[in-house]
Amino acid sequence: GTVHHVAWRVDSDATELAWRERLGATGLHVTPVRDRQYFHSIYFREPGGVLFEIATDPPGFDVDETVETLGSALRLPPWLEPHRDQIEQTLPSVDLDRA
């Protein structure tokens, strides 16, 4: 197998924007901020070609469900909904012991 990309998390949009500016100042091409519904991301490649992502903690995975039901059903951002059937077919089943 291969690694697609390496991701780091930051605590806020402001921190992410500071990293974007800092990386851009080194001459790296950094993408605009991408809204991924559950977090915001920027991407860049290091000189060897490895893709890196910096993603924010907010807004978080509870934007479309309550904390009490978090993780009880597969939630997808709107742009992945058309692929739901394919995604669900490839995911392994997970049994959780809720005791």
N, C-alpha and C. Protein backbone atom coordinates (compact mmCIF):
# COMPACT_ATOMS: atom_id res chain seq x y z
N GLY A 1 0.82 -1.19 0.00
CA GLY A 1 0.00 0.00 0.00
C GLY A 1 0.86 1.25 0.00
N THR A 2 0.19 2.34 -0.11
CA THR A 2 0.87 3.63 -0.10
C THR A 2 0.15 4.60 0.82
N VAL A 3 0.81 5.65 1.18
CA VAL A 3 0.22 6.72 1.97
C VAL A 3 -0.25 7.79 1.02
N HIS A 4 -1.51 8.23 1.17
CA HIS A 4 -2.02 9.31 0.31
C HIS A 4 -1.52 10.66 0.78
N HIS A 5 -1.68 10.95 2.08
CA HIS A 5 -1.18 12.20 2.62
C HIS A 5 -1.02 12.09 4.13
N VAL A 6 -0.32 13.07 4.69
CA VAL A 6 -0.11 13.16 6.12
C VAL A 6 -0.85 14.39 6.60
N ALA A 7 -1.61 14.26 7.69
CA ALA A 7 -2.41 15.38 8.19
C ALA A 7 -2.02 15.74 9.62
N TRP A 8 -2.06 17.03 9.88
CA TRP A 8 -1.90 17.56 11.23
C TRP A 8 -3.15 18.33 11.59
N ARG A 9 -3.43 18.42 12.87
CA ARG A 9 -4.58 19.20 13.33
C ARG A 9 -4.10 20.46 14.03
N VAL A 10 -4.93 21.49 13.89
CA VAL A 10 -4.71 22.74 14.62
C VAL A 10 -6.01 23.11 15.31
N ASP A 11 -5.90 23.96 16.33
CA ASP A 11 -7.05 24.24 17.18
C ASP A 11 -8.02 25.28 16.63
N SER A 12 -7.63 26.02 15.59
CA SER A 12 -8.52 27.09 15.14
C SER A 12 -8.23 27.49 13.70
N ASP A 13 -9.19 28.21 13.12
CA ASP A 13 -8.99 28.76 11.78
C ASP A 13 -7.83 29.75 11.76
N ALA A 14 -7.71 30.54 12.84
CA ALA A 14 -6.63 31.54 12.90
C ALA A 14 -5.26 30.86 12.87
N THR A 15 -5.11 29.78 13.60
CA THR A 15 -3.84 29.05 13.60
C THR A 15 -3.56 28.48 12.22
N GLU A 16 -4.59 27.95 11.58
CA GLU A 16 -4.42 27.40 10.23
C GLU A 16 -4.00 28.49 9.25
N LEU A 17 -4.62 29.65 9.32
CA LEU A 17 -4.26 30.75 8.42
C LEU A 17 -2.83 31.22 8.67
N ALA A 18 -2.40 31.21 9.93
CA ALA A 18 -1.02 31.58 10.24
C ALA A 18 -0.04 30.58 9.61
N TRP A 19 -0.37 29.29 9.67
CA TRP A 19 0.46 28.28 9.02
C TRP A 19 0.46 28.46 7.51
N ARG A 20 -0.70 28.79 6.95
CA ARG A 20 -0.79 28.99 5.50
C ARG A 20 0.15 30.11 5.07
N GLU A 21 0.12 31.21 5.81
CA GLU A 21 0.99 32.35 5.49
C GLU A 21 2.46 31.97 5.66
N ARG A 22 2.77 31.29 6.75
CA ARG A 22 4.16 30.90 7.03
C ARG A 22 4.70 29.96 5.95
N LEU A 23 3.90 28.97 5.55
CA LEU A 23 4.33 28.03 4.51
C LEU A 23 4.46 28.71 3.16
N GLY A 24 3.51 29.58 2.84
CA GLY A 24 3.57 30.32 1.58
C GLY A 24 4.80 31.19 1.49
N ALA A 25 5.21 31.75 2.63
CA ALA A 25 6.40 32.61 2.65
C ALA A 25 7.68 31.84 2.34
N THR A 26 7.64 30.52 2.48
CA THR A 26 8.82 29.71 2.16
C THR A 26 8.86 29.34 0.68
N GLY A 27 7.81 29.72 -0.06
CA GLY A 27 7.76 29.41 -1.48
C GLY A 27 6.91 28.20 -1.82
N LEU A 28 6.36 27.53 -0.82
CA LEU A 28 5.49 26.39 -1.09
C LEU A 28 4.14 26.87 -1.61
N HIS A 29 3.55 26.12 -2.52
CA HIS A 29 2.19 26.41 -2.98
C HIS A 29 1.23 25.79 -1.97
N VAL A 30 0.43 26.63 -1.35
CA VAL A 30 -0.54 26.17 -0.35
C VAL A 30 -1.93 26.46 -0.90
N THR A 31 -2.83 25.49 -0.82
CA THR A 31 -4.18 25.67 -1.36
C THR A 31 -4.94 26.70 -0.54
N PRO A 32 -6.00 27.24 -1.13
CA PRO A 32 -6.93 28.02 -0.31
C PRO A 32 -7.55 27.10 0.74
N VAL A 33 -8.15 27.68 1.76
CA VAL A 33 -8.83 26.89 2.79
C VAL A 33 -10.00 26.16 2.15
N ARG A 34 -10.09 24.86 2.41
CA ARG A 34 -11.18 24.03 1.90
C ARG A 34 -12.14 23.72 3.05
N ASP A 35 -13.41 24.01 2.84
CA ASP A 35 -14.43 23.70 3.85
C ASP A 35 -14.84 22.25 3.68
N ARG A 36 -14.50 21.41 4.64
CA ARG A 36 -14.81 19.98 4.59
C ARG A 36 -16.02 19.63 5.47
N GLN A 37 -16.81 20.60 5.80
CA GLN A 37 -18.01 20.53 6.63
C GLN A 37 -17.67 20.29 8.10
N TYR A 38 -16.87 19.31 8.40
CA TYR A 38 -16.53 18.98 9.78
C TYR A 38 -15.24 19.66 10.25
N PHE A 39 -14.46 20.14 9.32
CA PHE A 39 -13.20 20.83 9.60
C PHE A 39 -12.82 21.62 8.36
N HIS A 40 -11.82 22.49 8.49
CA HIS A 40 -11.30 23.27 7.37
C HIS A 40 -9.86 22.83 7.14
N SER A 41 -9.48 22.71 5.87
CA SER A 41 -8.16 22.17 5.54
C SER A 41 -7.41 23.02 4.54
N ILE A 42 -6.09 23.00 4.66
CA ILE A 42 -5.20 23.50 3.62
C ILE A 42 -4.26 22.35 3.26
N TYR A 43 -3.75 22.37 2.04
CA TYR A 43 -2.89 21.31 1.55
C TYR A 43 -1.66 21.91 0.89
N PHE A 44 -0.55 21.19 0.98
CA PHE A 44 0.67 21.60 0.29
C PHE A 44 1.55 20.36 0.11
N ARG A 45 2.44 20.43 -0.86
CA ARG A 45 3.41 19.35 -1.09
C ARG A 45 4.80 19.85 -0.71
N GLU A 46 5.52 19.00 -0.04
CA GLU A 46 6.91 19.34 0.27
C GLU A 46 7.73 19.05 -0.98
N PRO A 47 8.97 19.52 -1.05
CA PRO A 47 9.75 19.38 -2.28
C PRO A 47 9.87 17.95 -2.80
N GLY A 48 9.78 16.94 -1.94
CA GLY A 48 9.84 15.55 -2.39
C GLY A 48 8.52 15.03 -2.93
N GLY A 49 7.47 15.86 -2.86
CA GLY A 49 6.19 15.48 -3.43
C GLY A 49 5.16 14.93 -2.46
N VAL A 50 5.53 14.78 -1.19
CA VAL A 50 4.57 14.26 -0.21
C VAL A 50 3.50 15.32 0.06
N LEU A 51 2.23 14.89 0.04
CA LEU A 51 1.11 15.80 0.28
C LEU A 51 0.84 15.89 1.78
N PHE A 52 0.76 17.12 2.27
CA PHE A 52 0.45 17.38 3.67
C PHE A 52 -0.85 18.16 3.78
N GLU A 53 -1.56 17.93 4.87
CA GLU A 53 -2.81 18.63 5.17
C GLU A 53 -2.70 19.21 6.58
N ILE A 54 -3.21 20.41 6.75
CA ILE A 54 -3.40 20.99 8.08
C ILE A 54 -4.90 21.22 8.21
N ALA A 55 -5.51 20.58 9.22
CA ALA A 55 -6.96 20.62 9.40
C ALA A 55 -7.31 21.16 10.78
N THR A 56 -8.40 21.92 10.83
CA THR A 56 -8.85 22.50 12.09
C THR A 56 -9.69 21.52 12.90
N ASP A 57 -9.71 21.70 14.21
CA ASP A 57 -10.65 20.95 15.05
C ASP A 57 -12.08 21.40 14.80
N PRO A 58 -12.35 22.73 14.83
CA PRO A 58 -13.73 23.15 14.58
C PRO A 58 -14.05 23.15 13.09
N PRO A 59 -15.29 23.05 12.69
CA PRO A 59 -16.45 23.09 13.57
C PRO A 59 -16.70 21.80 14.34
N GLY A 60 -16.16 20.67 13.94
CA GLY A 60 -16.31 19.44 14.69
C GLY A 60 -17.32 18.48 14.08
N PHE A 61 -17.30 17.27 14.58
CA PHE A 61 -18.15 16.22 14.01
C PHE A 61 -19.57 16.22 14.56
N ASP A 62 -19.87 17.14 15.46
CA ASP A 62 -21.24 17.22 15.97
C ASP A 62 -22.05 18.33 15.29
N VAL A 63 -21.63 18.75 14.10
CA VAL A 63 -22.38 19.80 13.39
C VAL A 63 -23.68 19.29 12.80
N ASP A 64 -23.79 17.97 12.58
CA ASP A 64 -25.00 17.44 11.96
C ASP A 64 -25.65 16.32 12.76
N GLU A 65 -25.25 16.18 14.01
CA GLU A 65 -25.89 15.22 14.91
C GLU A 65 -25.56 15.61 16.35
N THR A 66 -26.34 15.11 17.27
CA THR A 66 -26.11 15.44 18.68
C THR A 66 -24.93 14.63 19.22
N VAL A 67 -24.36 15.12 20.29
CA VAL A 67 -23.25 14.41 20.92
C VAL A 67 -23.71 13.02 21.37
N GLU A 68 -24.96 12.93 21.83
CA GLU A 68 -25.49 11.64 22.31
C GLU A 68 -25.57 10.59 21.20
N THR A 69 -25.80 11.01 19.97
CA THR A 69 -25.94 10.06 18.86
C THR A 69 -24.70 10.03 17.96
N LEU A 70 -23.68 10.75 18.36
CA LEU A 70 -22.46 10.85 17.56
C LEU A 70 -21.90 9.47 17.24
N GLY A 71 -21.72 9.22 15.96
CA GLY A 71 -21.14 7.97 15.52
C GLY A 71 -22.11 6.81 15.37
N SER A 72 -23.39 7.03 15.63
CA SER A 72 -24.35 5.92 15.53
C SER A 72 -24.78 5.65 14.09
N ALA A 73 -24.53 6.58 13.20
CA ALA A 73 -24.86 6.41 11.78
C ALA A 73 -23.77 7.10 10.96
N LEU A 74 -23.60 6.63 9.74
CA LEU A 74 -22.61 7.24 8.86
C LEU A 74 -23.13 8.59 8.38
N ARG A 75 -22.40 9.63 8.69
CA ARG A 75 -22.72 10.98 8.22
C ARG A 75 -21.71 11.33 7.14
N LEU A 76 -22.21 11.91 6.06
CA LEU A 76 -21.34 12.31 4.95
C LEU A 76 -21.59 13.76 4.60
N PRO A 77 -20.56 14.48 4.17
CA PRO A 77 -20.78 15.83 3.67
C PRO A 77 -21.55 15.76 2.35
N PRO A 78 -22.22 16.84 1.98
CA PRO A 78 -23.08 16.83 0.78
C PRO A 78 -22.41 16.32 -0.49
N TRP A 79 -21.15 16.64 -0.70
CA TRP A 79 -20.50 16.23 -1.95
C TRP A 79 -20.19 14.72 -1.99
N LEU A 80 -20.29 14.03 -0.87
CA LEU A 80 -20.08 12.59 -0.88
C LEU A 80 -21.39 11.80 -0.86
N GLU A 81 -22.51 12.46 -0.58
CA GLU A 81 -23.80 11.77 -0.53
C GLU A 81 -24.11 10.99 -1.81
N PRO A 82 -23.81 11.52 -3.00
CA PRO A 82 -24.09 10.74 -4.21
C PRO A 82 -23.33 9.40 -4.26
N HIS A 83 -22.30 9.26 -3.45
CA HIS A 83 -21.48 8.04 -3.44
C HIS A 83 -21.75 7.17 -2.21
N ARG A 84 -22.81 7.47 -1.47
CA ARG A 84 -23.10 6.77 -0.22
C ARG A 84 -23.12 5.25 -0.39
N ASP A 85 -23.86 4.75 -1.39
CA ASP A 85 -23.96 3.30 -1.57
C ASP A 85 -22.59 2.65 -1.74
N GLN A 86 -21.77 3.25 -2.58
CA GLN A 86 -20.43 2.70 -2.82
C GLN A 86 -19.58 2.75 -1.54
N ILE A 87 -19.65 3.86 -0.82
CA ILE A 87 -18.87 4.01 0.41
C ILE A 87 -19.32 2.98 1.44
N GLU A 88 -20.63 2.84 1.63
CA GLU A 88 -21.14 1.89 2.62
C GLU A 88 -20.78 0.45 2.28
N GLN A 89 -20.74 0.12 0.99
CA GLN A 89 -20.41 -1.25 0.58
C GLN A 89 -18.95 -1.60 0.85
N THR A 90 -18.08 -0.60 0.87
CA THR A 90 -16.66 -0.88 1.06
C THR A 90 -16.23 -0.79 2.52
N LEU A 91 -17.07 -0.23 3.38
CA LEU A 91 -16.71 -0.11 4.79
C LEU A 91 -16.92 -1.44 5.52
N PRO A 92 -15.98 -1.82 6.36
CA PRO A 92 -16.20 -3.04 7.16
C PRO A 92 -17.24 -2.74 8.24
N SER A 93 -17.96 -3.76 8.67
CA SER A 93 -18.93 -3.55 9.74
C SER A 93 -18.18 -3.43 11.06
N VAL A 94 -18.74 -2.63 11.95
CA VAL A 94 -18.13 -2.40 13.26
C VAL A 94 -19.20 -2.68 14.31
N ASP A 95 -18.91 -3.58 15.22
CA ASP A 95 -19.82 -3.88 16.32
C ASP A 95 -19.28 -3.21 17.57
N LEU A 96 -20.12 -2.38 18.19
CA LEU A 96 -19.71 -1.66 19.39
C LEU A 96 -20.42 -2.25 20.60
N ASP A 97 -19.66 -2.49 21.64
CA ASP A 97 -20.24 -2.93 22.90
C ASP A 97 -20.63 -1.68 23.67
N ARG A 98 -21.91 -1.41 23.78
CA ARG A 98 -22.39 -0.18 24.43
C ARG A 98 -22.64 -0.38 25.92
N ALA A 99 -22.14 -1.45 26.50
CA ALA A 99 -22.38 -1.73 27.92
C ALA A 99 -21.59 -0.81 28.81
